[in-house]
Protein backbone atom coordinates (compact mmCIF):
# COMPACT_ATOMS: atom_id res chain seq x y z
CA MET A 1 -20.41 -2.35 36.93
CA SER A 2 -18.86 -5.48 35.43
CA LYS A 3 -18.65 -8.47 37.76
CA LEU A 4 -15.23 -9.82 38.63
CA LYS A 5 -14.68 -13.41 39.72
CA ILE A 6 -11.49 -14.66 41.34
CA GLN A 7 -10.32 -18.04 42.55
CA ASN A 8 -10.45 -17.92 46.34
CA THR A 9 -7.95 -20.36 47.83
CA LEU A 10 -9.78 -20.24 51.18
CA GLU A 11 -12.95 -21.68 49.63
CA ASN A 12 -11.16 -23.54 46.82
CA THR A 13 -13.64 -22.12 44.35
CA LYS A 14 -14.16 -19.22 41.97
CA GLU A 15 -16.22 -16.48 43.62
CA GLU A 16 -17.67 -13.15 42.62
CA PHE A 17 -15.50 -10.43 44.10
CA ILE A 18 -17.58 -8.33 46.50
CA PRO A 19 -15.33 -5.99 48.51
CA VAL A 20 -15.82 -5.28 52.19
CA ASP A 21 -16.00 -1.58 51.34
CA PRO A 22 -16.55 -0.82 47.62
CA SER A 23 -15.22 2.71 48.14
CA ASN A 24 -11.77 1.36 49.07
CA VAL A 25 -10.62 -2.10 47.99
CA ARG A 26 -7.74 -3.26 50.22
CA ILE A 27 -5.06 -5.75 49.18
CA TYR A 28 -2.02 -7.13 50.99
CA ALA A 29 0.70 -9.08 49.19
CA CYS A 30 3.64 -10.76 50.90
CA GLY A 31 6.69 -8.95 49.55
CA PRO A 32 10.38 -9.83 49.33
CA THR A 33 12.88 -10.78 52.00
CA VAL A 34 15.62 -8.37 51.02
CA TYR A 35 18.94 -10.18 51.44
CA ASP A 36 19.69 -10.88 47.76
CA TYR A 37 18.53 -10.05 44.23
CA ALA A 38 14.97 -10.96 43.26
CA HIS A 39 14.50 -13.97 40.99
CA ILE A 40 11.78 -14.51 38.38
CA GLY A 41 9.60 -16.33 40.90
CA ASN A 42 9.52 -13.17 43.02
CA ALA A 43 8.90 -11.16 39.88
CA ARG A 44 5.94 -13.29 38.80
CA MET A 45 4.16 -12.56 42.08
CA ALA A 46 4.84 -8.83 41.71
CA VAL A 47 3.72 -8.71 38.06
CA VAL A 48 0.56 -10.77 38.64
CA ASN A 49 -0.44 -8.60 41.59
CA ASP A 50 0.34 -5.46 39.62
CA LEU A 51 -2.05 -6.65 36.91
CA LEU A 52 -4.74 -7.46 39.50
CA VAL A 53 -4.43 -4.03 41.10
CA ARG A 54 -4.60 -2.28 37.71
CA LEU A 55 -7.75 -4.26 36.89
CA LEU A 56 -9.39 -3.42 40.21
CA ARG A 57 -8.63 0.27 39.68
CA THR A 58 -10.71 0.20 36.52
CA LEU A 59 -13.66 -1.19 38.50
CA PHE A 60 -13.53 0.62 41.84
CA PRO A 61 -12.92 4.27 42.84
CA LYS A 62 -10.04 3.48 45.20
CA VAL A 63 -7.65 0.58 45.73
CA THR A 64 -5.12 0.50 48.56
CA TYR A 65 -2.33 -1.92 47.76
CA VAL A 66 0.14 -2.90 50.48
CA SER A 67 3.16 -5.12 49.92
CA ASN A 68 5.67 -5.47 52.72
CA ILE A 69 9.43 -5.63 52.97
CA THR A 70 10.82 -8.33 55.26
CA ASP A 71 14.00 -6.71 56.56
CA ILE A 72 14.72 -8.93 59.56
CA ASP A 73 15.13 -12.66 59.10
CA ASP A 74 17.67 -15.42 59.71
CA LYS A 75 18.74 -15.33 56.05
CA ILE A 76 19.25 -11.58 56.27
CA ILE A 77 21.40 -11.91 59.37
CA GLU A 78 23.50 -14.63 57.74
CA ALA A 79 23.93 -12.60 54.53
CA ALA A 80 24.93 -9.49 56.51
CA GLN A 81 27.52 -11.46 58.45
CA THR A 82 28.92 -12.90 55.22
CA ALA A 83 29.09 -9.42 53.67
CA ASP A 84 30.52 -7.97 56.90
CA MET A 85 28.02 -5.12 57.00
CA PRO A 86 25.16 -4.03 59.29
CA PHE A 87 21.95 -5.83 58.40
CA GLN A 88 20.15 -2.49 57.94
CA GLU A 89 22.65 -1.47 55.27
CA LEU A 90 22.21 -4.78 53.46
CA THR A 91 18.41 -4.64 53.49
CA LEU A 92 18.22 -1.03 52.33
CA LYS A 93 20.53 -1.89 49.45
CA PHE A 94 18.48 -4.83 48.24
CA GLU A 95 15.16 -3.09 48.89
CA ALA A 96 16.22 -0.30 46.52
CA ILE A 97 17.44 -2.79 43.91
CA TYR A 98 14.20 -4.77 44.17
CA ASN A 99 12.08 -1.68 43.55
CA GLU A 100 14.25 -0.63 40.61
CA ASP A 101 14.08 -4.10 39.06
CA MET A 102 10.30 -4.31 39.46
CA ALA A 103 9.93 -0.84 37.93
CA ALA A 104 11.85 -2.14 34.91
CA LEU A 105 9.12 -4.79 34.57
CA GLY A 106 6.41 -2.12 34.62
CA VAL A 107 5.35 -2.89 38.19
CA HIS A 108 3.92 0.11 40.03
CA ARG A 109 5.11 0.70 43.59
CA PRO A 110 2.58 -0.38 46.24
CA ASP A 111 0.65 2.43 47.89
CA VAL A 112 2.24 1.34 51.16
CA GLN A 113 5.45 -0.69 51.49
CA PRO A 114 5.92 -1.29 55.23
CA ARG A 115 9.17 -2.61 56.66
CA ALA A 116 9.03 -5.27 59.34
CA THR A 117 11.54 -3.44 61.55
CA ASP A 118 9.22 -0.41 61.69
CA HIS A 119 6.44 -2.51 63.24
CA ILE A 120 8.15 -4.35 66.08
CA ALA A 121 5.86 -2.69 68.66
CA GLU A 122 2.77 -4.02 66.88
CA MET A 123 4.32 -7.50 66.73
CA ILE A 124 5.04 -7.49 70.46
CA THR A 125 1.48 -6.33 71.20
CA LEU A 126 0.02 -9.08 69.02
CA THR A 127 2.19 -11.69 70.73
CA LYS A 128 1.20 -10.48 74.21
CA THR A 129 -2.46 -10.76 73.21
CA LEU A 130 -2.03 -14.33 71.99
CA VAL A 131 -0.27 -15.31 75.23
CA LYS A 132 -2.99 -13.68 77.32
CA LEU A 133 -5.74 -15.51 75.43
CA GLY A 134 -4.01 -18.87 75.80
CA HIS A 135 -3.09 -19.30 72.14
CA ALA A 136 0.65 -18.87 72.74
CA TYR A 137 3.19 -19.74 75.41
CA GLU A 138 6.76 -18.86 76.38
CA LYS A 139 9.53 -21.43 76.69
CA LYS A 140 13.24 -20.70 77.06
CA GLY A 141 12.93 -17.19 75.65
CA HIS A 142 10.83 -18.36 72.70
CA VAL A 143 7.16 -17.55 72.31
CA LEU A 144 5.26 -20.11 70.27
CA PHE A 145 1.76 -20.23 68.87
CA HIS A 146 -0.05 -23.37 70.03
CA VAL A 147 -1.62 -24.69 66.83
CA PRO A 148 -4.19 -27.06 68.45
CA SER A 149 -5.78 -23.99 70.08
CA PHE A 150 -7.03 -22.89 66.65
CA GLU A 151 -9.58 -25.44 65.46
CA LYS A 152 -9.72 -24.06 61.92
CA TYR A 153 -6.01 -24.66 61.34
CA GLY A 154 -5.64 -26.19 57.88
CA CYS A 155 -8.64 -24.30 56.46
CA LEU A 156 -6.53 -22.60 53.78
CA SER A 157 -4.19 -25.39 52.72
CA GLY A 158 -6.56 -28.30 53.28
CA ARG A 159 -3.76 -30.22 55.01
CA ASN A 160 -4.59 -32.75 57.69
CA ARG A 161 -2.57 -33.00 60.88
CA ASP A 162 -0.01 -35.50 59.55
CA GLU A 163 0.59 -33.34 56.48
CA GLN A 164 0.94 -30.28 58.70
CA ILE A 165 3.69 -31.94 60.73
CA VAL A 166 5.57 -33.10 57.63
CA GLY A 167 5.18 -29.81 55.77
CA SER A 168 5.96 -27.44 58.62
CA ARG A 169 9.05 -25.31 57.99
CA VAL A 170 9.70 -24.59 61.65
CA GLU A 171 12.33 -26.60 63.47
CA VAL A 172 11.16 -29.31 65.87
CA ALA A 173 12.31 -28.26 69.33
CA PRO A 174 11.97 -30.27 72.55
CA PHE A 175 10.21 -27.41 74.33
CA LYS A 176 7.26 -27.37 71.91
CA LYS A 177 3.92 -28.50 73.28
CA ASP A 178 2.98 -29.73 69.81
CA PRO A 179 5.17 -30.46 66.75
CA THR A 180 3.17 -28.01 64.63
CA ASP A 181 3.59 -25.07 67.01
CA PHE A 182 5.42 -22.19 65.37
CA ILE A 183 7.57 -19.33 66.59
CA LEU A 184 6.18 -15.87 67.21
CA TRP A 185 9.27 -14.50 68.96
CA LYS A 186 12.78 -15.90 69.36
CA PRO A 187 15.80 -14.84 71.44
CA SER A 188 18.68 -12.98 69.80
CA PRO A 189 21.96 -13.75 71.56
CA ASP A 190 24.71 -11.17 71.31
CA PRO A 191 25.80 -9.89 68.78
CA LEU A 192 22.69 -10.70 66.71
CA PRO A 193 20.17 -7.89 66.13
CA GLY A 194 17.03 -7.75 68.21
CA TRP A 195 14.66 -5.72 70.35
CA ASP A 196 13.66 -5.63 74.00
CA SER A 197 10.45 -7.49 74.80
CA PRO A 198 8.63 -9.00 77.81
CA TRP A 199 10.39 -12.28 76.93
CA GLY A 200 13.87 -10.84 76.67
CA PHE A 201 15.97 -9.46 73.84
CA GLY A 202 14.86 -11.06 70.60
CA ARG A 203 13.29 -10.76 67.19
CA PRO A 204 9.97 -11.69 65.56
CA GLY A 205 9.10 -14.82 63.63
CA TRP A 206 8.36 -14.39 59.93
CA HIS A 207 4.66 -15.29 60.16
CA LEU A 208 4.05 -12.74 62.91
CA GLU A 209 5.44 -9.92 60.78
CA CYS A 210 2.80 -10.04 58.05
CA SER A 211 -0.12 -10.35 60.49
CA ALA A 212 1.02 -7.23 62.32
CA MET A 213 1.78 -5.16 59.21
CA SER A 214 -1.38 -6.05 57.31
CA GLU A 215 -3.62 -5.17 60.25
CA LYS A 216 -1.76 -1.91 60.92
CA THR A 217 -1.86 -0.70 57.32
CA LEU A 218 -5.26 -1.99 56.16
CA GLY A 219 -7.38 -2.79 59.21
CA LEU A 220 -9.51 -5.92 59.51
CA PRO A 221 -11.02 -7.53 57.63
CA PHE A 222 -9.48 -6.53 54.31
CA ASP A 223 -10.35 -7.85 50.88
CA ILE A 224 -7.49 -9.80 49.30
CA HIS A 225 -4.38 -11.43 50.72
CA SER A 226 -2.03 -12.65 48.01
CA GLY A 227 1.29 -14.32 47.35
CA GLY A 228 2.87 -17.29 45.64
CA MET A 229 1.46 -20.78 46.12
CA ASP A 230 4.55 -21.67 48.13
CA LEU A 231 3.25 -19.36 50.87
CA ILE A 232 -0.09 -21.11 51.36
CA PHE A 233 1.48 -23.42 53.94
CA PRO A 234 2.75 -22.71 56.43
CA HIS A 235 3.04 -18.91 56.09
CA HIS A 236 -0.50 -17.91 55.17
CA GLU A 237 -2.02 -20.70 57.23
CA ASN A 238 -0.14 -19.39 60.25
CA GLU A 239 -1.16 -15.81 59.58
CA ILE A 240 -4.83 -16.80 59.65
CA ALA A 241 -4.37 -18.73 62.89
CA GLN A 242 -2.60 -15.99 64.81
CA THR A 243 -4.68 -13.06 63.54
CA CYS A 244 -8.09 -14.68 64.02
CA SER A 245 -7.09 -16.04 67.42
CA ALA A 246 -5.92 -12.62 68.60
CA HIS A 247 -9.31 -11.16 67.73
CA LYS A 248 -11.35 -14.04 69.19
CA LYS A 249 -12.58 -15.05 65.74
CA ILE A 250 -11.40 -18.65 65.89
CA ASN A 251 -14.35 -19.91 63.84
CA ASN A 252 -14.22 -17.20 61.19
CA PRO A 253 -11.08 -17.30 58.99
CA LYS A 254 -12.58 -14.60 56.74
CA TYR A 255 -12.29 -12.11 59.59
CA PHE A 256 -8.67 -11.64 58.50
CA ALA A 257 -8.98 -11.52 54.69
CA LYS A 258 -12.04 -12.32 52.61
CA TYR A 259 -10.24 -13.64 49.51
CA TRP A 260 -6.90 -15.45 49.16
CA PHE A 261 -5.21 -15.08 45.78
CA HIS A 262 -2.18 -17.21 44.83
CA ASN A 263 -0.02 -17.43 41.71
CA GLY A 264 1.76 -20.55 40.48
CA PHE A 265 5.41 -21.56 40.59
CA VAL A 266 8.10 -20.76 38.03
CA ASN A 267 10.22 -23.66 36.75
CA VAL A 268 13.35 -23.26 34.63
CA GLU A 269 13.74 -25.50 31.60
CA GLY A 270 11.34 -27.99 33.19
CA GLU A 271 13.12 -28.12 36.56
CA LYS A 272 12.34 -26.56 39.90
CA MET A 273 14.31 -23.36 40.36
CA SER A 274 16.83 -23.81 43.19
CA LYS A 275 20.31 -22.75 44.25
CA SER A 276 21.41 -26.37 44.53
CA ILE A 277 20.69 -26.94 40.84
CA GLY A 278 22.19 -23.57 39.96
CA ASN A 279 19.30 -22.45 37.76
CA ILE A 280 18.20 -19.32 39.60
CA ARG A 281 17.25 -16.57 37.15
CA LEU A 282 17.81 -13.11 38.63
CA VAL A 283 15.74 -10.20 37.35
CA HIS A 284 18.65 -7.81 37.93
CA GLU A 285 20.75 -9.71 35.40
CA MET A 286 17.99 -10.47 32.90
CA ILE A 287 16.95 -6.84 32.43
CA LYS A 288 20.49 -6.15 31.20
CA GLU A 289 19.89 -8.56 28.33
CA TYR A 290 16.16 -8.24 27.62
CA LYS A 291 13.64 -5.42 27.65
CA GLY A 292 11.59 -5.27 30.83
CA GLU A 293 8.32 -5.35 28.90
CA VAL A 294 9.40 -8.58 27.18
CA LEU A 295 10.10 -10.20 30.54
CA ARG A 296 6.78 -8.91 31.89
CA MET A 297 4.91 -10.36 28.94
CA ALA A 298 6.72 -13.69 29.37
CA LEU A 299 5.80 -13.76 33.06
CA LEU A 300 2.15 -13.32 32.07
CA SER A 301 2.25 -15.88 29.26
CA ALA A 302 0.77 -18.71 31.35
CA HIS A 303 -2.42 -18.70 33.42
CA TYR A 304 -1.50 -17.05 36.70
CA ARG A 305 -2.37 -20.12 38.80
CA GLN A 306 -0.54 -22.59 36.58
CA PRO A 307 3.20 -23.35 36.65
CA LEU A 308 5.25 -21.24 34.24
CA ASN A 309 8.12 -23.00 32.49
CA TRP A 310 10.83 -20.39 31.94
CA THR A 311 12.93 -21.03 28.83
CA LYS A 312 14.92 -19.00 26.32
CA GLY A 313 12.23 -19.91 23.84
CA ILE A 314 9.49 -18.26 25.88
CA ILE A 315 11.47 -15.01 25.98
CA LYS A 316 12.07 -15.10 22.22
CA GLN A 317 8.43 -15.92 21.54
CA ASN A 318 7.15 -13.02 23.62
CA SER A 319 9.72 -10.65 22.14
CA THR A 320 8.43 -11.55 18.66
CA MET A 321 4.82 -11.07 19.77
CA LEU A 322 5.60 -7.68 21.25
CA ASP A 323 7.41 -6.54 18.09
CA ARG A 324 4.42 -7.64 16.02
CA LEU A 325 2.08 -5.74 18.32
CA TYR A 326 4.08 -2.52 17.99
CA ARG A 327 4.21 -2.88 14.18
CA THR A 328 0.46 -3.35 14.10
CA LEU A 329 -0.13 -0.31 16.28
CA LYS A 330 2.10 1.74 13.99
CA ASP A 331 0.11 0.57 10.97
CA LEU A 332 -3.13 1.44 12.74
CA GLU A 333 -2.00 5.04 13.09
CA HIS A 334 -2.61 5.42 9.35
CA ILE A 335 -6.15 4.08 9.36
CA ASP A 336 -8.90 6.44 8.31
CA ALA A 337 -12.07 5.25 10.02
CA TYR A 338 -14.21 6.90 7.34
CA THR A 339 -12.83 4.91 4.39
CA ASN A 340 -12.80 1.22 3.52
CA ASN A 341 -9.02 1.01 3.97
CA HIS A 342 -8.56 -1.51 1.17
CA ALA A 343 -4.81 -0.95 1.30
CA LEU A 344 -4.37 -2.03 4.92
CA PRO A 345 -1.68 -4.66 5.56
CA GLN A 346 -3.09 -8.18 5.74
CA ASN A 347 -1.70 -8.79 9.23
CA ILE A 348 -4.07 -6.24 10.80
């Protein structure tokens, strides 16, 4: 069997890929938060992972690919309120659109696509375990993970404590024991959606969701955890902390996932893609103008770990390359392998 090497973010080095169980390679990718249309940054992650899964399926007898749907989140609640519709209706709508748009890019559906709202029980159980083991605490209806209780925190991102405080996405609240502590469970005041829990009516934190769903669908440890580089900190760092702590593996980050695989950012015309700049490129709109295979090829036109600069020129260039490829394949249909083929076109 051919050897495969991948860049493992956890070790910051390229390693030979040796699966936990060669008879079933298991991969988890952080999927979309379904409150709006997917942009090309979301699409790059999906396309890169699709390519990785296809490659692994040529090397191993079975690959189980899981990519979740985040269908409960502050942004979802806000979008549902703006649209004046139940949040479940909003998320089902954009989940369906996301899958249709990714299919247009040639992305195969994951083997399992769990929804966060279907795994609330597992999230509550995980939180209770962390509280019992002293890695989490409850304050004012919130349950927070106590970051200093996990000595390996920072092992994935390489951030020191000062960088962790500055880079943390969670809000600084006066009831936190430490500024880096992050939310596992938060209260949901009426009329916001939520679920009953030992800490009152509330909803899960984003980081908790992926830990619970990956363990439920794949077991531990699994082979590859993937996502965009923007997820390395704090999302993936927090996943490692809470999962390993819950299983008393505080000195073994690989107990959760053996390899961490991250793709680079997508910029637009040399600038960071953001709503404030107004340069978001939505897949749903682009597939109306360009063929999905052209967009897929453009998304794969840079090394997967490097930034991809999205321009009209890159789409045109890849469209030309794809046309040339199809013309060449058509010409090859007329080749007779048993002759010298002196009359073949020069571009073959």
